[in-house]
Amino acid sequence: NGNDIRGGVSTLFSNEADISSKKLIIPEGVSIILDQKYTNQNDHQATGNRKVLAIIVKAKDGNIKLSEEKLSDMMFGTDGAEVSVKSQFEACSYNELTITMA
């Protein structure tokens, strides 16, 4: 059905909806628009080798609390991290998607 909400493909638009305490609240009588970007679930799957660039951004009024080495380990497992972004993409894609440093 075209009105079903589907994870990863549905976008809900409403000027009056609110997110509070990790809940989406849509007041009664408020109009919403549901948009489905994909008709085929396979349209948005990624496979192959992808180069990823990780950037540390320092806010004008903030301090950097993450070293380049720690970010690299968290993203790519370069210092032996058991779990990294790279390992999770590979696991979730059944090794169909591999990320490497750009």
N, C-alpha and C. Protein backbone atom coordinates (compact mmCIF):
# COMPACT_ATOMS: atom_id res chain seq x y z
N ASN A 1 0.85 -1.18 0.00
CA ASN A 1 0.00 0.00 0.00
C ASN A 1 0.89 1.24 0.00
N GLY A 2 0.59 2.24 -0.79
CA GLY A 2 1.40 3.45 -0.91
C GLY A 2 1.41 4.34 0.33
N ASN A 3 0.53 4.06 1.29
CA ASN A 3 0.48 4.88 2.51
C ASN A 3 1.19 4.24 3.69
N ASP A 4 1.80 3.07 3.49
CA ASP A 4 2.53 2.42 4.57
C ASP A 4 3.87 3.11 4.78
N ILE A 5 4.27 3.27 6.04
CA ILE A 5 5.58 3.85 6.35
C ILE A 5 6.60 2.72 6.30
N ARG A 6 7.66 2.93 5.52
CA ARG A 6 8.70 1.92 5.35
C ARG A 6 10.04 2.51 5.77
N GLY A 7 10.78 1.81 6.63
CA GLY A 7 12.09 2.26 7.08
C GLY A 7 13.05 2.45 5.93
N GLY A 8 13.77 3.57 5.94
CA GLY A 8 14.78 3.84 4.94
C GLY A 8 14.26 4.43 3.65
N VAL A 9 12.94 4.44 3.45
CA VAL A 9 12.42 4.98 2.19
C VAL A 9 11.30 5.99 2.38
N SER A 10 10.70 6.05 3.56
CA SER A 10 9.57 6.94 3.80
C SER A 10 10.03 8.23 4.47
N THR A 11 9.47 9.34 4.02
CA THR A 11 9.72 10.63 4.65
C THR A 11 8.38 11.25 5.00
N LEU A 12 8.24 11.67 6.25
CA LEU A 12 7.01 12.27 6.71
C LEU A 12 7.22 13.77 6.85
N PHE A 13 6.33 14.56 6.27
CA PHE A 13 6.42 16.01 6.34
C PHE A 13 5.22 16.55 7.11
N SER A 14 5.49 17.42 8.08
CA SER A 14 4.42 18.10 8.81
C SER A 14 5.01 19.31 9.51
N ASN A 15 4.36 20.45 9.38
CA ASN A 15 4.82 21.66 10.06
C ASN A 15 4.45 21.67 11.53
N GLU A 16 3.53 20.80 11.93
CA GLU A 16 3.03 20.85 13.30
C GLU A 16 3.41 19.63 14.14
N ALA A 17 4.06 18.63 13.55
CA ALA A 17 4.50 17.45 14.30
C ALA A 17 5.69 17.84 15.17
N ASP A 18 5.88 17.10 16.25
CA ASP A 18 6.95 17.42 17.19
C ASP A 18 7.60 16.12 17.67
N ILE A 19 8.89 16.17 17.90
CA ILE A 19 9.59 15.04 18.50
C ILE A 19 9.91 15.42 19.93
N SER A 20 9.38 14.63 20.86
CA SER A 20 9.57 14.90 22.27
C SER A 20 9.78 13.59 23.00
N SER A 21 10.80 13.53 23.84
CA SER A 21 11.11 12.32 24.62
C SER A 21 11.20 11.10 23.72
N LYS A 22 11.89 11.26 22.59
CA LYS A 22 12.12 10.18 21.63
C LYS A 22 10.83 9.64 21.01
N LYS A 23 9.77 10.44 21.00
CA LYS A 23 8.50 10.04 20.39
C LYS A 23 8.09 11.09 19.37
N LEU A 24 7.54 10.64 18.26
CA LEU A 24 6.98 11.54 17.27
C LEU A 24 5.53 11.80 17.65
N ILE A 25 5.20 13.07 17.84
CA ILE A 25 3.85 13.44 18.26
C ILE A 25 3.19 14.22 17.12
N ILE A 26 2.08 13.69 16.62
CA ILE A 26 1.31 14.35 15.57
C ILE A 26 -0.06 14.65 16.17
N PRO A 27 -0.33 15.93 16.47
CA PRO A 27 -1.62 16.28 17.07
C PRO A 27 -2.78 15.87 16.17
N GLU A 28 -3.88 15.53 16.79
CA GLU A 28 -5.07 15.13 16.04
C GLU A 28 -5.51 16.25 15.11
N GLY A 29 -5.86 15.89 13.89
CA GLY A 29 -6.34 16.85 12.92
C GLY A 29 -5.24 17.53 12.10
N VAL A 30 -3.98 17.26 12.42
CA VAL A 30 -2.86 17.87 11.70
C VAL A 30 -2.65 17.12 10.38
N SER A 31 -2.42 17.87 9.31
CA SER A 31 -2.19 17.20 8.04
C SER A 31 -0.72 16.82 7.90
N ILE A 32 -0.49 15.66 7.29
CA ILE A 32 0.87 15.19 7.03
C ILE A 32 0.96 14.77 5.57
N ILE A 33 2.18 14.77 5.06
CA ILE A 33 2.45 14.28 3.71
C ILE A 33 3.45 13.15 3.87
N LEU A 34 3.16 12.01 3.27
CA LEU A 34 4.06 10.87 3.30
C LEU A 34 4.63 10.68 1.91
N ASP A 35 5.95 10.73 1.79
CA ASP A 35 6.61 10.61 0.50
C ASP A 35 7.46 9.36 0.50
N GLN A 36 7.36 8.55 -0.53
CA GLN A 36 8.17 7.35 -0.67
C GLN A 36 9.13 7.56 -1.84
N LYS A 37 10.41 7.65 -1.52
CA LYS A 37 11.41 7.94 -2.54
C LYS A 37 11.71 6.74 -3.43
N TYR A 38 11.54 5.54 -2.91
CA TYR A 38 11.89 4.33 -3.66
C TYR A 38 10.70 3.41 -3.76
N THR A 39 10.53 2.81 -4.91
CA THR A 39 9.48 1.81 -5.06
C THR A 39 10.07 0.41 -4.94
N ASN A 40 11.37 0.29 -5.15
CA ASN A 40 12.05 -1.00 -5.05
C ASN A 40 13.08 -0.90 -3.94
N GLN A 41 12.99 -1.78 -2.95
CA GLN A 41 13.89 -1.72 -1.80
C GLN A 41 15.35 -1.84 -2.23
N ASN A 42 15.64 -2.49 -3.34
CA ASN A 42 17.02 -2.67 -3.80
C ASN A 42 17.61 -1.42 -4.42
N ASP A 43 16.79 -0.39 -4.69
CA ASP A 43 17.29 0.83 -5.33
C ASP A 43 18.34 1.56 -4.51
N HIS A 44 18.33 1.42 -3.19
CA HIS A 44 19.22 2.19 -2.34
C HIS A 44 20.29 1.35 -1.65
N GLN A 45 20.46 0.13 -2.09
CA GLN A 45 21.50 -0.70 -1.50
C GLN A 45 22.83 -0.40 -2.15
N ALA A 46 23.89 -0.44 -1.37
CA ALA A 46 25.23 -0.16 -1.87
C ALA A 46 26.09 -1.40 -1.77
N THR A 47 26.86 -1.63 -2.80
CA THR A 47 27.82 -2.72 -2.79
C THR A 47 29.11 -2.22 -3.41
N GLY A 48 30.17 -3.00 -3.28
CA GLY A 48 31.45 -2.65 -3.89
C GLY A 48 32.39 -2.01 -2.90
N ASN A 49 33.39 -1.33 -3.43
CA ASN A 49 34.38 -0.64 -2.61
C ASN A 49 34.12 0.85 -2.64
N ARG A 50 34.03 1.47 -1.47
CA ARG A 50 33.77 2.90 -1.35
C ARG A 50 34.88 3.56 -0.55
N LYS A 51 35.40 4.65 -1.06
CA LYS A 51 36.39 5.43 -0.32
C LYS A 51 35.66 6.44 0.55
N VAL A 52 36.07 6.53 1.83
CA VAL A 52 35.40 7.40 2.79
C VAL A 52 36.41 8.37 3.37
N LEU A 53 36.02 9.63 3.45
CA LEU A 53 36.85 10.66 4.05
C LEU A 53 36.22 11.06 5.37
N ALA A 54 36.95 10.90 6.46
CA ALA A 54 36.47 11.30 7.79
C ALA A 54 37.16 12.60 8.16
N ILE A 55 36.39 13.58 8.59
CA ILE A 55 36.92 14.90 8.91
C ILE A 55 36.54 15.29 10.32
N ILE A 56 37.51 15.76 11.08
CA ILE A 56 37.23 16.30 12.41
C ILE A 56 36.94 17.78 12.23
N VAL A 57 35.80 18.22 12.73
CA VAL A 57 35.41 19.63 12.61
C VAL A 57 35.42 20.24 14.00
N LYS A 58 36.13 21.33 14.15
CA LYS A 58 36.18 22.03 15.43
C LYS A 58 35.21 23.21 15.37
N ALA A 59 34.24 23.19 16.29
CA ALA A 59 33.29 24.29 16.36
C ALA A 59 34.03 25.54 16.83
N LYS A 60 33.56 26.68 16.39
CA LYS A 60 34.21 27.95 16.73
C LYS A 60 34.41 28.12 18.23
N ASP A 61 33.44 27.65 19.01
CA ASP A 61 33.52 27.81 20.46
C ASP A 61 33.78 26.49 21.19
N GLY A 62 34.26 25.49 20.47
CA GLY A 62 34.43 24.17 21.10
C GLY A 62 35.86 23.67 21.08
N ASN A 63 36.08 22.61 21.79
CA ASN A 63 37.37 21.95 21.84
C ASN A 63 37.28 20.61 21.14
N ILE A 64 38.35 20.21 20.51
CA ILE A 64 38.41 18.90 19.88
C ILE A 64 38.79 17.88 20.95
N LYS A 65 37.94 16.86 21.12
CA LYS A 65 38.21 15.85 22.13
C LYS A 65 38.53 14.51 21.49
N LEU A 66 38.74 14.49 20.19
CA LEU A 66 38.98 13.26 19.47
C LEU A 66 40.23 13.43 18.63
N SER A 67 41.20 12.55 18.83
CA SER A 67 42.43 12.64 18.04
C SER A 67 42.21 12.02 16.66
N GLU A 68 43.09 12.35 15.74
CA GLU A 68 43.02 11.76 14.40
C GLU A 68 43.17 10.25 14.48
N GLU A 69 44.04 9.79 15.39
CA GLU A 69 44.28 8.36 15.55
C GLU A 69 43.02 7.64 16.05
N LYS A 70 42.34 8.25 17.02
CA LYS A 70 41.12 7.65 17.57
C LYS A 70 40.01 7.63 16.51
N LEU A 71 39.86 8.71 15.76
CA LEU A 71 38.85 8.75 14.70
C LEU A 71 39.13 7.68 13.66
N SER A 72 40.39 7.54 13.27
CA SER A 72 40.78 6.53 12.29
C SER A 72 40.45 5.13 12.80
N ASP A 73 40.71 4.87 14.08
CA ASP A 73 40.42 3.57 14.66
C ASP A 73 38.91 3.33 14.71
N MET A 74 38.14 4.35 15.10
CA MET A 74 36.69 4.22 15.17
C MET A 74 36.08 3.98 13.79
N MET A 75 36.62 4.66 12.78
CA MET A 75 36.08 4.53 11.43
C MET A 75 36.55 3.27 10.71
N PHE A 76 37.87 2.99 10.79
CA PHE A 76 38.48 1.96 9.96
C PHE A 76 39.15 0.82 10.73
N GLY A 77 39.19 0.89 12.06
CA GLY A 77 39.84 -0.14 12.85
C GLY A 77 41.34 -0.18 12.70
N THR A 78 41.95 0.97 12.47
CA THR A 78 43.39 1.03 12.19
C THR A 78 44.28 0.73 13.40
N ASP A 79 43.70 0.77 14.60
CA ASP A 79 44.50 0.50 15.80
C ASP A 79 43.92 -0.67 16.59
N GLY A 80 43.22 -1.55 15.87
CA GLY A 80 42.73 -2.77 16.50
C GLY A 80 41.35 -2.70 17.13
N ALA A 81 40.58 -1.65 16.84
CA ALA A 81 39.22 -1.58 17.40
C ALA A 81 38.43 -2.81 16.96
N GLU A 82 37.77 -3.46 17.92
CA GLU A 82 36.98 -4.65 17.62
C GLU A 82 35.80 -4.31 16.72
N VAL A 83 35.21 -3.14 16.96
CA VAL A 83 34.06 -2.68 16.18
C VAL A 83 34.38 -1.32 15.61
N SER A 84 34.19 -1.16 14.31
CA SER A 84 34.42 0.11 13.64
C SER A 84 33.30 0.33 12.62
N VAL A 85 33.24 1.51 12.07
CA VAL A 85 32.26 1.78 11.00
C VAL A 85 32.51 0.81 9.86
N LYS A 86 33.77 0.62 9.51
CA LYS A 86 34.14 -0.31 8.43
C LYS A 86 33.64 -1.72 8.71
N SER A 87 33.91 -2.22 9.92
CA SER A 87 33.51 -3.60 10.24
C SER A 87 31.99 -3.75 10.23
N GLN A 88 31.28 -2.72 10.66
CA GLN A 88 29.83 -2.81 10.69
C GLN A 88 29.21 -2.75 9.30
N PHE A 89 29.74 -1.90 8.41
CA PHE A 89 29.26 -1.88 7.03
C PHE A 89 29.49 -3.23 6.37
N GLU A 90 30.67 -3.80 6.61
CA GLU A 90 30.97 -5.10 6.01
C GLU A 90 30.06 -6.18 6.56
N ALA A 91 29.85 -6.19 7.87
CA ALA A 91 28.98 -7.21 8.48
C ALA A 91 27.54 -7.07 8.02
N CYS A 92 27.03 -5.85 8.01
CA CYS A 92 25.62 -5.62 7.64
C CYS A 92 25.36 -5.89 6.16
N SER A 93 26.39 -5.78 5.33
CA SER A 93 26.22 -6.01 3.90
C SER A 93 26.66 -7.41 3.49
N TYR A 94 26.95 -8.26 4.46
CA TYR A 94 27.47 -9.60 4.18
C TYR A 94 28.71 -9.52 3.29
N ASN A 95 29.59 -8.56 3.64
CA ASN A 95 30.85 -8.32 2.93
C ASN A 95 30.67 -7.90 1.48
N GLU A 96 29.50 -7.37 1.16
CA GLU A 96 29.25 -6.85 -0.19
C GLU A 96 29.69 -5.39 -0.32
N LEU A 97 29.84 -4.69 0.82
CA LEU A 97 30.26 -3.29 0.80
C LEU A 97 31.50 -3.14 1.67
N THR A 98 32.56 -2.63 1.08
CA THR A 98 33.81 -2.41 1.79
C THR A 98 34.15 -0.94 1.74
N ILE A 99 34.50 -0.36 2.89
CA ILE A 99 34.94 1.04 2.89
C ILE A 99 36.43 1.09 3.21
N THR A 100 37.10 2.03 2.57
CA THR A 100 38.53 2.25 2.79
C THR A 100 38.76 3.75 2.94
N MET A 101 39.92 4.09 3.52
CA MET A 101 40.27 5.50 3.70
C MET A 101 40.50 6.15 2.34
N ALA A 102 39.96 7.36 2.18
CA ALA A 102 40.16 8.12 0.94
C ALA A 102 41.54 8.74 0.94
